[in-house]
PDB file of N, CA and C in Angstrom:
ATOM      1  N   MET A   1     -12.702  -9.268 -10.627  1.00  0.00           N
ATOM      2  CA  MET A   1     -10.935  -8.735 -10.450  1.00  0.00           C
ATOM      3  C   MET A   1     -10.856  -7.688  -9.644  1.00  0.00           C
ATOM      4  N   PRO A   2     -10.503  -8.395  -8.080  1.00  0.00           N
ATOM      5  CA  PRO A   2     -10.827  -7.051  -7.298  1.00  0.00           C
ATOM      6  C   PRO A   2      -9.424  -6.518  -7.402  1.00  0.00           C
ATOM      7  N   ILE A   3      -9.710  -5.249  -7.216  1.00  0.00           N
ATOM      8  CA  ILE A   3      -8.018  -4.524  -6.757  1.00  0.00           C
ATOM      9  C   ILE A   3      -8.084  -3.515  -5.614  1.00  0.00           C
ATOM     10  N   ILE A   4      -6.687  -3.823  -4.678  1.00  0.00           N
ATOM     11  CA  ILE A   4      -6.950  -3.488  -3.698  1.00  0.00           C
ATOM     12  C   ILE A   4      -5.137  -2.474  -4.182  1.00  0.00           C
ATOM     13  N   ARG A   5      -5.900  -0.908  -3.479  1.00  0.00           N
ATOM     14  CA  ARG A   5      -5.100   0.116  -4.090  1.00  0.00           C
ATOM     15  C   ARG A   5      -4.278   0.535  -2.661  1.00  0.00           C
ATOM     16  N   VAL A   6      -2.805   0.647  -2.621  1.00  0.00           N
ATOM     17  CA  VAL A   6      -1.913   1.567  -1.640  1.00  0.00           C
ATOM     18  C   VAL A   6      -1.178   1.805  -1.890  1.00  0.00           C
ATOM     19  N   GLU A   7      -1.211   3.207  -0.997  1.00  0.00           N
ATOM     20  CA  GLU A   7      -0.868   4.283  -1.365  1.00  0.00           C
ATOM     21  C   GLU A   7      -0.182   4.949   0.373  1.00  0.00           C
ATOM     22  N   MET A   8       1.188   4.803  -0.233  1.00  0.00           N
ATOM     23  CA  MET A   8       2.315   4.795   1.102  1.00  0.00           C
ATOM     24  C   MET A   8       3.618   6.089   1.202  1.00  0.00           C
ATOM     25  N   PHE A   9       3.835   6.184   1.948  1.00  0.00           N
ATOM     26  CA  PHE A   9       5.493   6.810   1.544  1.00  0.00           C
ATOM     27  C   PHE A   9       6.403   6.017   1.184  1.00  0.00           C
ATOM     28  N   THR A  10       7.233   6.412   0.207  1.00  0.00           N
ATOM     29  CA  THR A  10       8.130   5.903   0.028  1.00  0.00           C
ATOM     30  C   THR A  10       9.145   5.203   0.886  1.00  0.00           C
ATOM     31  N   GLY A  11       9.798   4.624   0.638  1.00  0.00           N
ATOM     32  CA  GLY A  11      11.046   4.269   1.231  1.00  0.00           C
ATOM     33  C   GLY A  11      10.861   2.417   1.548  1.00  0.00           C
ATOM     34  N   ARG A  12       9.830   1.952   1.315  1.00  0.00           N
ATOM     35  CA  ARG A  12       9.982   0.376   1.248  1.00  0.00           C
ATOM     36  C   ARG A  12      10.773  -0.334   0.823  1.00  0.00           C
ATOM     37  N   SER A  13      11.383  -1.375   1.166  1.00  0.00           N
ATOM     38  CA  SER A  13      12.166  -2.443   0.411  1.00  0.00           C
ATOM     39  C   SER A  13      11.162  -3.102  -0.275  1.00  0.00           C
ATOM     40  N   GLU A  14      12.079  -3.933  -1.565  1.00  0.00           N
ATOM     41  CA  GLU A  14      10.972  -4.621  -2.360  1.00  0.00           C
ATOM     42  C   GLU A  14      10.669  -6.085  -1.817  1.00  0.00           C
ATOM     43  N   ASP A  15      11.169  -6.199  -0.883  1.00  0.00           N
ATOM     44  CA  ASP A  15      10.862  -7.526  -0.456  1.00  0.00           C
ATOM     45  C   ASP A  15       9.902  -6.984   0.516  1.00  0.00           C
ATOM     46  N   GLN A  16       9.465  -5.799   1.504  1.00  0.00           N
ATOM     47  CA  GLN A  16       8.236  -5.557   2.043  1.00  0.00           C
ATOM     48  C   GLN A  16       7.233  -5.633   1.254  1.00  0.00           C
ATOM     49  N   LYS A  17       7.479  -4.736   0.028  1.00  0.00           N
ATOM     50  CA  LYS A  17       6.124  -4.490  -1.015  1.00  0.00           C
ATOM     51  C   LYS A  17       6.005  -6.048  -1.224  1.00  0.00           C
ATOM     52  N   ARG A  18       7.064  -7.307  -1.270  1.00  0.00           N
ATOM     53  CA  ARG A  18       6.250  -8.418  -1.891  1.00  0.00           C
ATOM     54  C   ARG A  18       5.447  -9.254  -0.509  1.00  0.00           C
ATOM     55  N   ALA A  19       6.092  -8.686   0.963  1.00  0.00           N
ATOM     56  CA  ALA A  19       5.087  -9.379   1.823  1.00  0.00           C
ATOM     57  C   ALA A  19       3.402  -8.696   1.852  1.00  0.00           C
ATOM     58  N   ILE A  20       4.102  -7.227   1.510  1.00  0.00           N
ATOM     59  CA  ILE A  20       2.621  -6.350   1.584  1.00  0.00           C
ATOM     60  C   ILE A  20       1.524  -7.242   0.381  1.00  0.00           C
ATOM     61  N   VAL A  21       2.396  -7.190  -0.605  1.00  0.00           N
ATOM     62  CA  VAL A  21       1.080  -7.779  -1.766  1.00  0.00           C
ATOM     63  C   VAL A  21       0.814  -9.338  -1.324  1.00  0.00           C
ATOM     64  N   ARG A  22       1.850 -10.156  -0.896  1.00  0.00           N
ATOM     65  CA  ARG A  22       0.830 -11.725  -0.275  1.00  0.00           C
ATOM     66  C   ARG A  22      -0.116 -11.540   0.561  1.00  0.00           C
ATOM     67  N   ASP A  23       0.299 -10.857   1.529  1.00  0.00           N
ATOM     68  CA  ASP A  23      -0.360 -10.838   2.659  1.00  0.00           C
ATOM     69  C   ASP A  23      -2.124 -10.190   2.348  1.00  0.00           C
ATOM     70  N   LEU A  24      -1.986  -9.165   1.574  1.00  0.00           N
ATOM     71  CA  LEU A  24      -3.335  -8.728   1.466  1.00  0.00           C
ATOM     72  C   LEU A  24      -3.735  -9.184   0.418  1.00  0.00           C
ATOM     73  N   THR A  25      -3.059 -10.187  -0.748  1.00  0.00           N
ATOM     74  CA  THR A  25      -3.930 -11.158  -0.948  1.00  0.00           C
ATOM     75  C   THR A  25      -4.489 -12.133  -0.407  1.00  0.00           C
ATOM     76  N   ASP A  26      -4.022 -12.896   0.443  1.00  0.00           N
ATOM     77  CA  ASP A  26      -3.979 -13.776   1.226  1.00  0.00           C
ATOM     78  C   ASP A  26      -5.717 -13.580   2.142  1.00  0.00           C
ATOM     79  N   ALA A  27      -5.189 -12.422   2.852  1.00  0.00           N
ATOM     80  CA  ALA A  27      -6.474 -11.526   3.828  1.00  0.00           C
ATOM     81  C   ALA A  27      -7.915 -11.320   2.373  1.00  0.00           C
ATOM     82  N   PHE A  28      -7.642 -11.348   1.727  1.00  0.00           N
ATOM     83  CA  PHE A  28      -8.504 -10.871   0.720  1.00  0.00           C
ATOM     84  C   PHE A  28      -9.394 -12.142   0.518  1.00  0.00           C
ATOM     85  N   VAL A  29      -8.851 -13.483  -0.090  1.00  0.00           N
ATOM     86  CA  VAL A  29      -8.864 -14.932  -0.764  1.00  0.00           C
ATOM     87  C   VAL A  29      -9.667 -15.447   0.809  1.00  0.00           C
ATOM     88  N   GLN A  30      -9.522 -14.758   1.893  1.00  0.00           N
ATOM     89  CA  GLN A  30      -9.584 -15.860   2.840  1.00  0.00           C
ATOM     90  C   GLN A  30     -10.914 -14.750   3.591  1.00  0.00           C
ATOM     91  N   ALA A  31     -11.176 -13.695   3.276  1.00  0.00           N
ATOM     92  CA  ALA A  31     -12.470 -13.022   3.336  1.00  0.00           C
ATOM     93  C   ALA A  31     -13.646 -12.711   2.807  1.00  0.00           C
ATOM     94  N   ALA A  32     -12.881 -12.996   1.657  1.00  0.00           N
ATOM     95  CA  ALA A  32     -13.980 -12.719   0.227  1.00  0.00           C
ATOM     96  C   ALA A  32     -13.951 -14.299  -0.662  1.00  0.00           C
ATOM     97  N   GLY A  33     -13.051 -14.755  -0.488  1.00  0.00           N
ATOM     98  CA  GLY A  33     -12.959 -16.247  -1.312  1.00  0.00           C
ATOM     99  C   GLY A  33     -12.537 -15.670  -2.619  1.00  0.00           C
ATOM    100  N   GLY A  34     -12.838 -16.854  -3.287  1.00  0.00           N
ATOM    101  CA  GLY A  34     -12.153 -16.446  -5.130  1.00  0.00           C
ATOM    102  C   GLY A  34     -10.801 -16.956  -4.762  1.00  0.00           C
ATOM    103  N   SER A  35     -10.061 -16.485  -5.958  1.00  0.00           N
ATOM    104  CA  SER A  35      -8.299 -17.191  -6.121  1.00  0.00           C
ATOM    105  C   SER A  35      -7.420 -15.763  -6.125  1.00  0.00           C
ATOM    106  N   PRO A  36      -6.438 -16.276  -5.572  1.00  0.00           N
ATOM    107  CA  PRO A  36      -5.638 -15.311  -5.695  1.00  0.00           C
ATOM    108  C   PRO A  36      -4.702 -15.066  -6.501  1.00  0.00           C
ATOM    109  N   ASP A  37      -4.859 -15.319  -7.893  1.00  0.00           N
ATOM    110  CA  ASP A  37      -4.965 -15.153  -8.972  1.00  0.00           C
ATOM    111  C   ASP A  37      -5.582 -13.912  -9.502  1.00  0.00           C
ATOM    112  N   SER A  38      -6.978 -13.440  -9.393  1.00  0.00           N
ATOM    113  CA  SER A  38      -7.856 -12.770  -9.490  1.00  0.00           C
ATOM    114  C   SER A  38      -7.628 -11.325  -8.555  1.00  0.00           C
ATOM    115  N   VAL A  39      -6.881 -11.461  -7.866  1.00  0.00           N
ATOM    116  CA  VAL A  39      -6.543 -10.470  -6.958  1.00  0.00           C
ATOM    117  C   VAL A  39      -5.444  -9.692  -7.235  1.00  0.00           C
ATOM    118  N   HIS A  40      -5.814  -8.142  -7.857  1.00  0.00           N
ATOM    119  CA  HIS A  40      -4.406  -7.532  -8.059  1.00  0.00           C
ATOM    120  C   HIS A  40      -4.584  -6.332  -6.605  1.00  0.00           C
ATOM    121  N   VAL A  41      -2.638  -6.036  -6.548  1.00  0.00           N
ATOM    122  CA  VAL A  41      -2.431  -5.057  -5.442  1.00  0.00           C
ATOM    123  C   VAL A  41      -1.816  -4.084  -6.130  1.00  0.00           C
ATOM    124  N   VAL A  42      -2.226  -2.563  -6.030  1.00  0.00           N
ATOM    125  CA  VAL A  42      -1.340  -1.617  -6.672  1.00  0.00           C
ATOM    126  C   VAL A  42      -0.972  -0.873  -6.221  1.00  0.00           C
ATOM    127  N   ILE A  43       0.586  -0.895  -5.718  1.00  0.00           N
ATOM    128  CA  ILE A  43       1.092   0.145  -5.004  1.00  0.00           C
ATOM    129  C   ILE A  43       1.637   1.398  -5.125  1.00  0.00           C
ATOM    130  N   THR A  44       1.778   2.244  -4.585  1.00  0.00           N
ATOM    131  CA  THR A  44       1.767   4.130  -5.051  1.00  0.00           C
ATOM    132  C   THR A  44       2.338   4.408  -4.166  1.00  0.00           C
ATOM    133  N   ASP A  45       3.505   4.798  -4.204  1.00  0.00           N
ATOM    134  CA  ASP A  45       4.583   4.785  -3.463  1.00  0.00           C
ATOM    135  C   ASP A  45       4.544   6.574  -3.663  1.00  0.00           C
ATOM    136  N   VAL A  46       4.544   7.669  -2.323  1.00  0.00           N
ATOM    137  CA  VAL A  46       4.458   8.919  -2.427  1.00  0.00           C
ATOM    138  C   VAL A  46       5.489   9.436  -1.883  1.00  0.00           C
ATOM    139  N   ASP A  47       5.710  11.190  -1.967  1.00  0.00           N
ATOM    140  CA  ASP A  47       6.596  11.160  -1.296  1.00  0.00           C
ATOM    141  C   ASP A  47       6.113  11.766  -0.458  1.00  0.00           C
ATOM    142  N   LYS A  48       6.612  12.170   0.872  1.00  0.00           N
ATOM    143  CA  LYS A  48       6.088  13.024   2.163  1.00  0.00           C
ATOM    144  C   LYS A  48       5.534  14.193   1.648  1.00  0.00           C
ATOM    145  N   GLY A  49       6.329  15.009   0.714  1.00  0.00           N
ATOM    146  CA  GLY A  49       6.389  16.663   0.360  1.00  0.00           C
ATOM    147  C   GLY A  49       5.162  16.587  -0.319  1.00  0.00           C
ATOM    148  N   ASN A  50       4.394  15.243  -0.717  1.00  0.00           N
ATOM    149  CA  ASN A  50       3.323  15.175  -1.922  1.00  0.00           C
ATOM    150  C   ASN A  50       1.659  14.656  -1.159  1.00  0.00           C
ATOM    151  N   TRP A  51       1.857  14.628   0.173  1.00  0.00           N
ATOM    152  CA  TRP A  51       0.776  14.482   1.035  1.00  0.00           C
ATOM    153  C   TRP A  51       0.887  15.489   2.138  1.00  0.00           C
ATOM    154  N   GLY A  52      -0.516  15.577   2.596  1.00  0.00           N
ATOM    155  CA  GLY A  52      -0.503  16.686   3.848  1.00  0.00           C
ATOM    156  C   GLY A  52      -1.502  15.835   4.632  1.00  0.00           C
ATOM    157  N   ALA A  53      -1.169  16.057   5.529  1.00  0.00           N
ATOM    158  CA  ALA A  53      -2.710  15.455   6.611  1.00  0.00           C
ATOM    159  C   ALA A  53      -2.421  16.466   7.279  1.00  0.00           C
ATOM    160  N   GLY A  54      -3.484  16.987   8.018  1.00  0.00           N
ATOM    161  CA  GLY A  54      -4.136  17.932   9.485  1.00  0.00           C
ATOM    162  C   GLY A  54      -3.503  19.301   9.097  1.00  0.00           C
ATOM    163  N   GLY A  55      -3.640  19.418   7.945  1.00  0.00           N
ATOM    164  CA  GLY A  55      -3.381  21.107   7.433  1.00  0.00           C
ATOM    165  C   GLY A  55      -1.803  21.165   7.040  1.00  0.00           C
ATOM    166  N   GLN A  56      -0.590  20.069   6.914  1.00  0.00           N
ATOM    167  CA  GLN A  56       0.404  20.148   7.337  1.00  0.00           C
ATOM    168  C   GLN A  56       0.983  19.372   6.259  1.00  0.00           C
ATOM    169  N   LEU A  57       1.869  19.649   5.359  1.00  0.00           N
ATOM    170  CA  LEU A  57       3.050  18.558   4.497  1.00  0.00           C
ATOM    171  C   LEU A  57       3.363  17.505   4.918  1.00  0.00           C
ATOM    172  N   CYS A  58       2.934  15.854   5.236  1.00  0.00           N
ATOM    173  CA  CYS A  58       3.793  15.306   6.161  1.00  0.00           C
ATOM    174  C   CYS A  58       5.233  15.327   6.024  1.00  0.00           C
ATOM    175  N   SER A  59       5.784  15.977   5.087  1.00  0.00           N
ATOM    176  CA  SER A  59       7.190  16.317   5.125  1.00  0.00           C
ATOM    177  C   SER A  59       7.628  17.341   6.623  1.00  0.00           C
ATOM    178  N   ASP A  60       6.807  17.938   6.930  1.00  0.00           N
ATOM    179  CA  ASP A  60       7.067  18.710   7.798  1.00  0.00           C
ATOM    180  C   ASP A  60       6.714  18.051   9.171  1.00  0.00           C
ATOM    181  N   LYS A  61       5.275  17.532   8.912  1.00  0.00           N
ATOM    182  CA  LYS A  61       4.833  16.656  10.215  1.00  0.00           C
ATOM    183  C   LYS A  61       5.644  15.906  10.547  1.00  0.00           C
ATOM    184  N   TYR A  62       6.506  14.805   9.659  1.00  0.00           N
ATOM    185  CA  TYR A  62       7.233  13.366  10.299  1.00  0.00           C
ATOM    186  C   TYR A  62       8.712  13.635   9.585  1.00  0.00           C
ATOM    187  N   PRO A  63       9.111  14.439  10.368  1.00  0.00           N
ATOM    188  CA  PRO A  63      10.773  14.704   9.264  1.00  0.00           C
ATOM    189  C   PRO A  63      11.120  13.483   9.455  1.00  0.00           C
ATOM    190  N   GLU A  64      12.240  13.102   9.006  1.00  0.00           N
ATOM    191  CA  GLU A  64      12.802  11.764   8.842  1.00  0.00           C
ATOM    192  C   GLU A  64      14.214  12.300  10.029  1.00  0.00           C
TER     193      GLU A  64
END
């Protein structure tokens, strides 16, 4: 059972998440074979204040 984990900033809609799950599943099956039903995608929404890059919080680095 392959598991694809996606960590991204919060703010995507349910429709966007559906598209991510569908497209990642399709790409995995195309590249590696197998059944789409065996592919699991786990999405973790992370607040920018809980993610750091380049020594800075992303909430500081990428304010909205």
